[in-house]
Each structure stands twice: as C-alpha cells, then as structure tokens.
PDB file of N, CA and C in Angstrom:
ATOM      1  N   MET A   1      43.072  60.288  23.368  1.00  0.00           N
ATOM      2  CA  MET A   1      41.905  60.996  23.294  1.00  0.00           C
ATOM      3  C   MET A   1      41.389  61.121  22.118  1.00  0.00           C
ATOM      4  N   PRO A   2      40.423  60.792  21.162  1.00  0.00           N
ATOM      5  CA  PRO A   2      40.509  60.907  20.064  1.00  0.00           C
ATOM      6  C   PRO A   2      40.254  62.279  19.193  1.00  0.00           C
ATOM      7  N   SER A   3      41.167  62.285  18.331  1.00  0.00           N
ATOM      8  CA  SER A   3      40.965  64.234  17.800  1.00  0.00           C
ATOM      9  C   SER A   3      39.465  64.280  17.232  1.00  0.00           C
ATOM     10  N   PRO A   4      39.618  65.212  17.132  1.00  0.00           N
ATOM     11  CA  PRO A   4      37.791  65.860  16.729  1.00  0.00           C
ATOM     12  C   PRO A   4      37.444  65.349  15.111  1.00  0.00           C
ATOM     13  N   GLY A   5      36.389  64.648  14.797  1.00  0.00           N
ATOM     14  CA  GLY A   5      35.603  63.714  13.880  1.00  0.00           C
ATOM     15  C   GLY A   5      36.398  62.653  13.944  1.00  0.00           C
ATOM     16  N   SER A   6      37.139  62.057  14.728  1.00  0.00           N
ATOM     17  CA  SER A   6      37.470  60.205  14.982  1.00  0.00           C
ATOM     18  C   SER A   6      36.255  59.763  15.374  1.00  0.00           C
ATOM     19  N   PRO A   7      36.220  58.226  14.693  1.00  0.00           N
ATOM     20  CA  PRO A   7      35.310  57.462  15.072  1.00  0.00           C
ATOM     21  C   PRO A   7      35.243  57.021  16.699  1.00  0.00           C
ATOM     22  N   PRO A   8      33.798  57.215  17.062  1.00  0.00           N
ATOM     23  CA  PRO A   8      34.287  56.504  18.737  1.00  0.00           C
ATOM     24  C   PRO A   8      34.938  54.962  18.710  1.00  0.00           C
ATOM     25  N   LEU A   9      35.173  54.957  19.676  1.00  0.00           N
ATOM     26  CA  LEU A   9      36.344  53.201  19.967  1.00  0.00           C
ATOM     27  C   LEU A   9      35.291  52.445  19.940  1.00  0.00           C
ATOM     28  N   GLY A  10      35.555  51.574  19.055  1.00  0.00           N
ATOM     29  CA  GLY A  10      34.666  50.083  19.332  1.00  0.00           C
ATOM     30  C   GLY A  10      33.445  50.930  18.259  1.00  0.00           C
ATOM     31  N   ALA A  11      33.726  51.648  17.075  1.00  0.00           N
ATOM     32  CA  ALA A  11      32.956  51.880  16.231  1.00  0.00           C
ATOM     33  C   ALA A  11      33.811  51.242  15.092  1.00  0.00           C
ATOM     34  N   ILE A  12      32.841  51.174  13.647  1.00  0.00           N
ATOM     35  CA  ILE A  12      33.394  50.802  12.128  1.00  0.00           C
ATOM     36  C   ILE A  12      32.450  51.491  11.554  1.00  0.00           C
ATOM     37  N   PRO A  13      33.280  51.428  10.600  1.00  0.00           N
ATOM     38  CA  PRO A  13      32.403  52.432   9.362  1.00  0.00           C
ATOM     39  C   PRO A  13      31.377  51.989   8.374  1.00  0.00           C
ATOM     40  N   ALA A  14      30.023  52.566   8.860  1.00  0.00           N
ATOM     41  CA  ALA A  14      28.486  51.897   8.181  1.00  0.00           C
ATOM     42  C   ALA A  14      28.522  52.676   7.238  1.00  0.00           C
ATOM     43  N   ALA A  15      26.854  52.614   6.406  1.00  0.00           N
ATOM     44  CA  ALA A  15      26.062  53.412   5.411  1.00  0.00           C
ATOM     45  C   ALA A  15      26.019  54.904   5.618  1.00  0.00           C
ATOM     46  N   ARG A  16      25.730  54.862   6.867  1.00  0.00           N
ATOM     47  CA  ARG A  16      25.510  56.039   7.572  1.00  0.00           C
ATOM     48  C   ARG A  16      26.397  56.456   8.784  1.00  0.00           C
ATOM     49  N   GLY A  17      27.766  56.450   8.697  1.00  0.00           N
ATOM     50  CA  GLY A  17      28.309  56.999   9.784  1.00  0.00           C
ATOM     51  C   GLY A  17      29.120  55.759  10.694  1.00  0.00           C
ATOM     52  N   TRP A  18      29.364  55.601  11.879  1.00  0.00           N
ATOM     53  CA  TRP A  18      30.151  54.542  12.223  1.00  0.00           C
ATOM     54  C   TRP A  18      28.736  53.896  12.975  1.00  0.00           C
ATOM     55  N   GLN A  19      28.798  52.393  13.421  1.00  0.00           N
ATOM     56  CA  GLN A  19      28.290  51.673  14.159  1.00  0.00           C
ATOM     57  C   GLN A  19      29.307  50.942  15.318  1.00  0.00           C
ATOM     58  N   ARG A  20      28.572  51.206  16.686  1.00  0.00           N
ATOM     59  CA  ARG A  20      29.163  50.875  17.410  1.00  0.00           C
ATOM     60  C   ARG A  20      29.106  49.265  17.757  1.00  0.00           C
ATOM     61  N   VAL A  21      30.333  48.288  17.752  1.00  0.00           N
ATOM     62  CA  VAL A  21      29.895  47.063  18.265  1.00  0.00           C
ATOM     63  C   VAL A  21      30.399  46.039  19.061  1.00  0.00           C
ATOM     64  N   THR A  22      31.302  47.274  20.382  1.00  0.00           N
ATOM     65  CA  THR A  22      31.149  46.562  21.743  1.00  0.00           C
ATOM     66  C   THR A  22      31.851  47.860  22.592  1.00  0.00           C
ATOM     67  N   ARG A  23      32.137  47.878  23.821  1.00  0.00           N
ATOM     68  CA  ARG A  23      32.471  48.390  24.631  1.00  0.00           C
ATOM     69  C   ARG A  23      33.888  48.148  24.679  1.00  0.00           C
ATOM     70  N   ARG A  24      35.011  49.052  24.927  1.00  0.00           N
ATOM     71  CA  ARG A  24      36.364  49.366  25.412  1.00  0.00           C
ATOM     72  C   ARG A  24      36.819  47.910  26.684  1.00  0.00           C
ATOM     73  N   CYS A  25      35.684  47.942  27.752  1.00  0.00           N
ATOM     74  CA  CYS A  25      35.710  47.539  28.855  1.00  0.00           C
ATOM     75  C   CYS A  25      35.560  45.865  28.273  1.00  0.00           C
ATOM     76  N   ALA A  26      35.196  45.720  27.198  1.00  0.00           N
ATOM     77  CA  ALA A  26      34.321  44.081  26.792  1.00  0.00           C
ATOM     78  C   ALA A  26      35.813  43.725  25.983  1.00  0.00           C
ATOM     79  N   LEU A  27      36.830  44.176  25.723  1.00  0.00           N
ATOM     80  CA  LEU A  27      38.074  43.703  25.175  1.00  0.00           C
ATOM     81  C   LEU A  27      38.854  43.389  26.186  1.00  0.00           C
ATOM     82  N   LEU A  28      39.334  42.411  26.087  1.00  0.00           N
ATOM     83  CA  LEU A  28      40.280  41.778  27.206  1.00  0.00           C
ATOM     84  C   LEU A  28      41.565  42.419  26.464  1.00  0.00           C
ATOM     85  N   ASP A  29      42.844  42.881  27.345  1.00  0.00           N
ATOM     86  CA  ASP A  29      44.100  43.227  26.970  1.00  0.00           C
ATOM     87  C   ASP A  29      44.943  41.979  26.327  1.00  0.00           C
ATOM     88  N   GLY A  30      45.549  41.986  25.485  1.00  0.00           N
ATOM     89  CA  GLY A  30      46.191  41.126  25.004  1.00  0.00           C
ATOM     90  C   GLY A  30      45.433  40.096  23.875  1.00  0.00           C
ATOM     91  N   ALA A  31      44.209  40.253  23.776  1.00  0.00           N
ATOM     92  CA  ALA A  31      43.517  39.507  23.364  1.00  0.00           C
ATOM     93  C   ALA A  31      43.095  39.664  22.075  1.00  0.00           C
ATOM     94  N   VAL A  32      42.202  38.778  21.329  1.00  0.00           N
ATOM     95  CA  VAL A  32      41.215  39.184  19.888  1.00  0.00           C
ATOM     96  C   VAL A  32      40.193  38.881  19.874  1.00  0.00           C
ATOM     97  N   THR A  33      39.416  39.593  19.303  1.00  0.00           N
ATOM     98  CA  THR A  33      37.896  39.516  19.673  1.00  0.00           C
ATOM     99  C   THR A  33      36.995  39.322  18.404  1.00  0.00           C
ATOM    100  N   ALA A  34      36.531  38.349  17.867  1.00  0.00           N
ATOM    101  CA  ALA A  34      35.574  38.363  16.678  1.00  0.00           C
ATOM    102  C   ALA A  34      34.212  39.447  16.877  1.00  0.00           C
ATOM    103  N   VAL A  35      34.064  39.934  16.490  1.00  0.00           N
ATOM    104  CA  VAL A  35      32.479  41.149  16.202  1.00  0.00           C
ATOM    105  C   VAL A  35      31.616  40.484  15.143  1.00  0.00           C
ATOM    106  N   ASP A  36      30.436  41.086  15.591  1.00  0.00           N
ATOM    107  CA  ASP A  36      29.018  40.471  14.881  1.00  0.00           C
ATOM    108  C   ASP A  36      28.772  41.156  13.389  1.00  0.00           C
ATOM    109  N   CYS A  37      29.669  42.192  13.203  1.00  0.00           N
ATOM    110  CA  CYS A  37      29.157  43.098  11.907  1.00  0.00           C
ATOM    111  C   CYS A  37      30.172  42.545  10.433  1.00  0.00           C
ATOM    112  N   GLY A  38      30.226  40.992  10.402  1.00  0.00           N
ATOM    113  CA  GLY A  38      31.220  40.843   9.178  1.00  0.00           C
ATOM    114  C   GLY A  38      32.376  40.617   9.908  1.00  0.00           C
ATOM    115  N   ALA A  39      32.810  39.797   9.167  1.00  0.00           N
ATOM    116  CA  ALA A  39      34.159  39.288   9.394  1.00  0.00           C
ATOM    117  C   ALA A  39      35.669  40.060   9.534  1.00  0.00           C
ATOM    118  N   LEU A  40      35.173  40.503  10.651  1.00  0.00           N
ATOM    119  CA  LEU A  40      36.419  41.296  11.259  1.00  0.00           C
ATOM    120  C   LEU A  40      36.278  41.168  12.892  1.00  0.00           C
ATOM    121  N   VAL A  41      37.594  41.189  13.131  1.00  0.00           N
ATOM    122  CA  VAL A  41      38.519  41.026  14.683  1.00  0.00           C
ATOM    123  C   VAL A  41      39.064  42.289  15.396  1.00  0.00           C
ATOM    124  N   LEU A  42      38.646  42.433  16.555  1.00  0.00           N
ATOM    125  CA  LEU A  42      39.334  43.373  17.809  1.00  0.00           C
ATOM    126  C   LEU A  42      40.285  42.747  17.941  1.00  0.00           C
ATOM    127  N   ALA A  43      41.623  43.757  18.192  1.00  0.00           N
ATOM    128  CA  ALA A  43      42.745  43.333  19.196  1.00  0.00           C
ATOM    129  C   ALA A  43      42.657  44.386  19.904  1.00  0.00           C
ATOM    130  N   ARG A  44      43.000  44.205  21.155  1.00  0.00           N
ATOM    131  CA  ARG A  44      43.211  45.149  21.912  1.00  0.00           C
ATOM    132  C   ARG A  44      45.162  45.164  22.769  1.00  0.00           C
ATOM    133  N   ALA A  45      46.030  45.947  22.768  1.00  0.00           N
ATOM    134  CA  ALA A  45      47.125  45.709  23.795  1.00  0.00           C
ATOM    135  C   ALA A  45      47.310  46.999  24.571  1.00  0.00           C
ATOM    136  N   GLY A  46      46.921  47.116  25.821  1.00  0.00           N
ATOM    137  CA  GLY A  46      46.679  48.037  26.280  1.00  0.00           C
ATOM    138  C   GLY A  46      45.853  48.820  26.063  1.00  0.00           C
ATOM    139  N   ASP A  47      45.959  50.458  25.932  1.00  0.00           N
ATOM    140  CA  ASP A  47      44.873  51.197  25.563  1.00  0.00           C
ATOM    141  C   ASP A  47      44.674  51.219  24.196  1.00  0.00           C
ATOM    142  N   LEU A  48      45.491  50.469  23.453  1.00  0.00           N
ATOM    143  CA  LEU A  48      45.200  50.690  22.140  1.00  0.00           C
ATOM    144  C   LEU A  48      44.419  49.524  21.432  1.00  0.00           C
ATOM    145  N   VAL A  49      43.553  49.442  20.404  1.00  0.00           N
ATOM    146  CA  VAL A  49      42.776  48.737  19.899  1.00  0.00           C
ATOM    147  C   VAL A  49      42.457  48.882  18.413  1.00  0.00           C
ATOM    148  N   TRP A  50      42.753  47.794  17.317  1.00  0.00           N
ATOM    149  CA  TRP A  50      42.648  47.596  16.167  1.00  0.00           C
ATOM    150  C   TRP A  50      41.811  47.167  15.862  1.00  0.00           C
ATOM    151  N   ALA A  51      41.046  47.098  14.467  1.00  0.00           N
ATOM    152  CA  ALA A  51      40.297  46.196  13.799  1.00  0.00           C
ATOM    153  C   ALA A  51      40.987  45.793  12.524  1.00  0.00           C
ATOM    154  N   THR A  52      40.629  44.477  12.235  1.00  0.00           N
ATOM    155  CA  THR A  52      41.626  43.848  10.740  1.00  0.00           C
ATOM    156  C   THR A  52      40.331  43.141  10.522  1.00  0.00           C
ATOM    157  N   ASP A  53      40.804  42.591   9.077  1.00  0.00           N
ATOM    158  CA  ASP A  53      39.460  41.443   8.638  1.00  0.00           C
ATOM    159  C   ASP A  53      39.732  40.241   9.451  1.00  0.00           C
ATOM    160  N   GLY A  54      38.688  39.566   9.906  1.00  0.00           N
ATOM    161  CA  GLY A  54      39.177  38.086  10.718  1.00  0.00           C
ATOM    162  C   GLY A  54      39.283  37.099   9.663  1.00  0.00           C
ATOM    163  N   THR A  55      39.893  37.043   8.559  1.00  0.00           N
ATOM    164  CA  THR A  55      39.855  35.854   7.791  1.00  0.00           C
ATOM    165  C   THR A  55      41.885  36.049   7.128  1.00  0.00           C
ATOM    166  N   CYS A  56      42.732  35.404   7.499  1.00  0.00           N
ATOM    167  CA  CYS A  56      43.676  35.421   6.963  1.00  0.00           C
ATOM    168  C   CYS A  56      43.705  35.547   5.702  1.00  0.00           C
ATOM    169  N   PRO A  57      44.187  35.931   4.467  1.00  0.00           N
ATOM    170  CA  PRO A  57      44.150  35.958   3.948  1.00  0.00           C
ATOM    171  C   PRO A  57      44.822  34.457   2.702  1.00  0.00           C
ATOM    172  N   HIS A  58      46.322  34.172   3.715  1.00  0.00           N
ATOM    173  CA  HIS A  58      46.514  32.875   2.890  1.00  0.00           C
ATOM    174  C   HIS A  58      45.673  31.959   2.963  1.00  0.00           C
ATOM    175  N   ARG A  59      45.164  31.364   4.168  1.00  0.00           N
ATOM    176  CA  ARG A  59      44.897  29.762   4.465  1.00  0.00           C
ATOM    177  C   ARG A  59      43.254  30.309   4.675  1.00  0.00           C
ATOM    178  N   GLY A  60      42.714  31.317   4.639  1.00  0.00           N
ATOM    179  CA  GLY A  60      41.313  31.250   5.084  1.00  0.00           C
ATOM    180  C   GLY A  60      41.152  31.217   6.604  1.00  0.00           C
ATOM    181  N   ALA A  61      42.658  31.348   7.869  1.00  0.00           N
ATOM    182  CA  ALA A  61      42.112  30.844   8.868  1.00  0.00           C
ATOM    183  C   ALA A  61      41.527  31.770   9.597  1.00  0.00           C
ATOM    184  N   PRO A  62      40.477  31.574  10.814  1.00  0.00           N
ATOM    185  CA  PRO A  62      40.055  32.145  11.482  1.00  0.00           C
ATOM    186  C   PRO A  62      41.053  33.186  12.755  1.00  0.00           C
ATOM    187  N   LEU A  63      41.334  34.501  12.388  1.00  0.00           N
ATOM    188  CA  LEU A  63      42.113  35.071  13.298  1.00  0.00           C
ATOM    189  C   LEU A  63      41.605  35.637  14.118  1.00  0.00           C
ATOM    190  N   ALA A  64      40.797  35.251  14.674  1.00  0.00           N
ATOM    191  CA  ALA A  64      40.149  35.440  16.317  1.00  0.00           C
ATOM    192  C   ALA A  64      40.499  34.036  16.907  1.00  0.00           C
ATOM    193  N   ASP A  65      41.340  33.342  16.280  1.00  0.00           N
ATOM    194  CA  ASP A  65      41.699  32.465  17.393  1.00  0.00           C
ATOM    195  C   ASP A  65      43.225  32.366  17.567  1.00  0.00           C
ATOM    196  N   GLY A  66      43.443  33.357  16.754  1.00  0.00           N
ATOM    197  CA  GLY A  66      45.185  33.620  16.668  1.00  0.00           C
ATOM    198  C   GLY A  66      45.623  34.355  17.881  1.00  0.00           C
ATOM    199  N   THR A  67      47.239  34.874  18.251  1.00  0.00           N
ATOM    200  CA  THR A  67      47.758  34.997  19.175  1.00  0.00           C
ATOM    201  C   THR A  67      48.154  37.005  19.118  1.00  0.00           C
ATOM    202  N   LEU A  68      48.271  37.413  19.966  1.00  0.00           N
ATOM    203  CA  LEU A  68      48.558  39.015  20.305  1.00  0.00           C
ATOM    204  C   LEU A  68      50.115  38.970  20.926  1.00  0.00           C
ATOM    205  N   ASP A  69      50.979  39.689  20.273  1.00  0.00           N
ATOM    206  CA  ASP A  69      52.235  39.767  20.711  1.00  0.00           C
ATOM    207  C   ASP A  69      52.501  41.089  20.169  1.00  0.00           C
ATOM    208  N   GLY A  70      51.661  42.088  21.314  1.00  0.00           N
ATOM    209  CA  GLY A  70      51.735  43.746  21.322  1.00  0.00           C
ATOM    210  C   GLY A  70      50.488  43.982  20.016  1.00  0.00           C
ATOM    211  N   ALA A  71      51.413  44.564  18.695  1.00  0.00           N
ATOM    212  CA  ALA A  71      50.590  44.709  18.022  1.00  0.00           C
ATOM    213  C   ALA A  71      50.993  43.652  16.662  1.00  0.00           C
ATOM    214  N   LEU A  72      51.333  42.322  16.943  1.00  0.00           N
ATOM    215  CA  LEU A  72      51.622  41.084  15.966  1.00  0.00           C
ATOM    216  C   LEU A  72      50.570  40.312  16.324  1.00  0.00           C
ATOM    217  N   LEU A  73      49.913  40.187  15.235  1.00  0.00           N
ATOM    218  CA  LEU A  73      48.513  38.982  15.056  1.00  0.00           C
ATOM    219  C   LEU A  73      49.395  38.119  14.845  1.00  0.00           C
ATOM    220  N   ARG A  74      49.088  36.579  14.841  1.00  0.00           N
ATOM    221  CA  ARG A  74      49.354  35.714  14.275  1.00  0.00           C
ATOM    222  C   ARG A  74      48.729  34.868  13.988  1.00  0.00           C
ATOM    223  N   CYS A  75      48.377  33.815  12.791  1.00  0.00           N
ATOM    224  CA  CYS A  75      47.566  33.230  11.849  1.00  0.00           C
ATOM    225  C   CYS A  75      47.862  31.825  12.774  1.00  0.00           C
ATOM    226  N   PRO A  76      46.372  31.632  12.976  1.00  0.00           N
ATOM    227  CA  PRO A  76      46.265  30.221  14.046  1.00  0.00           C
ATOM    228  C   PRO A  76      46.797  29.253  13.264  1.00  0.00           C
ATOM    229  N   TRP A  77      46.665  29.032  11.716  1.00  0.00           N
ATOM    230  CA  TRP A  77      47.153  28.041  10.925  1.00  0.00           C
ATOM    231  C   TRP A  77      48.412  27.544  11.033  1.00  0.00           C
ATOM    232  N   HIS A  78      48.930  29.020  10.465  1.00  0.00           N
ATOM    233  CA  HIS A  78      50.564  29.153   9.258  1.00  0.00           C
ATOM    234  C   HIS A  78      51.423  29.559  10.409  1.00  0.00           C
ATOM    235  N   GLY A  79      50.903  30.763  11.238  1.00  0.00           N
ATOM    236  CA  GLY A  79      52.046  31.420  12.106  1.00  0.00           C
ATOM    237  C   GLY A  79      52.558  32.614  11.291  1.00  0.00           C
ATOM    238  N   ALA A  80      51.880  33.415   9.929  1.00  0.00           N
ATOM    239  CA  ALA A  80      51.754  34.236   9.638  1.00  0.00           C
ATOM    240  C   ALA A  80      51.949  35.195  10.304  1.00  0.00           C
ATOM    241  N   LEU A  81      52.926  36.444  10.537  1.00  0.00           N
ATOM    242  CA  LEU A  81      52.394  38.066  11.311  1.00  0.00           C
ATOM    243  C   LEU A  81      52.029  38.955  10.503  1.00  0.00           C
ATOM    244  N   PHE A  82      50.930  39.328  11.166  1.00  0.00           N
ATOM    245  CA  PHE A  82      50.616  40.690  10.792  1.00  0.00           C
ATOM    246  C   PHE A  82      50.565  42.253  11.400  1.00  0.00           C
ATOM    247  N   ASP A  83      51.237  42.899  11.080  1.00  0.00           N
ATOM    248  CA  ASP A  83      51.767  44.037  11.766  1.00  0.00           C
ATOM    249  C   ASP A  83      49.867  44.972  12.102  1.00  0.00           C
ATOM    250  N   LEU A  84      49.665  45.244  13.024  1.00  0.00           N
ATOM    251  CA  LEU A  84      48.304  45.630  12.874  1.00  0.00           C
ATOM    252  C   LEU A  84      48.066  47.351  12.878  1.00  0.00           C
ATOM    253  N   ARG A  85      49.676  47.516  13.180  1.00  0.00           N
ATOM    254  CA  ARG A  85      49.614  49.318  13.183  1.00  0.00           C
ATOM    255  C   ARG A  85      50.164  49.643  11.712  1.00  0.00           C
ATOM    256  N   SER A  86      50.468  48.567  10.853  1.00  0.00           N
ATOM    257  CA  SER A  86      50.419  49.002   9.823  1.00  0.00           C
ATOM    258  C   SER A  86      49.883  48.123   8.729  1.00  0.00           C
ATOM    259  N   GLY A  87      49.170  47.344   8.588  1.00  0.00           N
ATOM    260  CA  GLY A  87      48.167  46.439   8.102  1.00  0.00           C
ATOM    261  C   GLY A  87      48.834  45.454   7.309  1.00  0.00           C
ATOM    262  N   VAL A  88      50.315  45.394   7.583  1.00  0.00           N
ATOM    263  CA  VAL A  88      51.297  44.384   6.749  1.00  0.00           C
ATOM    264  C   VAL A  88      51.440  43.210   7.583  1.00  0.00           C
TER     265      VAL A  88
END
C-alpha cells in the first residue's frame, strides 16, 4: 500500500500532478512495457513496478526490447545491466 502522498500506481509526474499511464493488470510480471507518455518503460517484477528511461544511455537501444531478471533490466543491444531499484 502506498504511503500518504505517494503517486498512484501506474502514474508518472506531470505538470499538474500525476498522470495515469496504465493499470497494473496491463503489466505482465517479468516484462518491460513501453508507455505513450514520452520515452519511458515500466518494468514489473511481482508486486513491484519501476519506471525508467526507455532508451539506453550508451547506444540508444529501446529498453522496452530488453529483458528483465528481478530488478535488473538488460539492454537488448549490448547487454548492459541497469538496477531499477537504484537507477544504476
């Protein structure tokens, strides 16, 4: 359960608060999903959902085509790993 003041699940920051981009049931467990609100992807592992930039900073690969192993997102082009828990 989110803490008070937390954004609703599936929402991203917008100029006037939060913008809903999808529903949790639309996100498959273990999958990476592109969303139509800019270059973002959502990744779901169990009950956890993360949002991150949809483009690899190294080569510009579409991270929606990457693979997810727990909280680790692997770039589809060169295999770099991104830890979605820390952003590194």
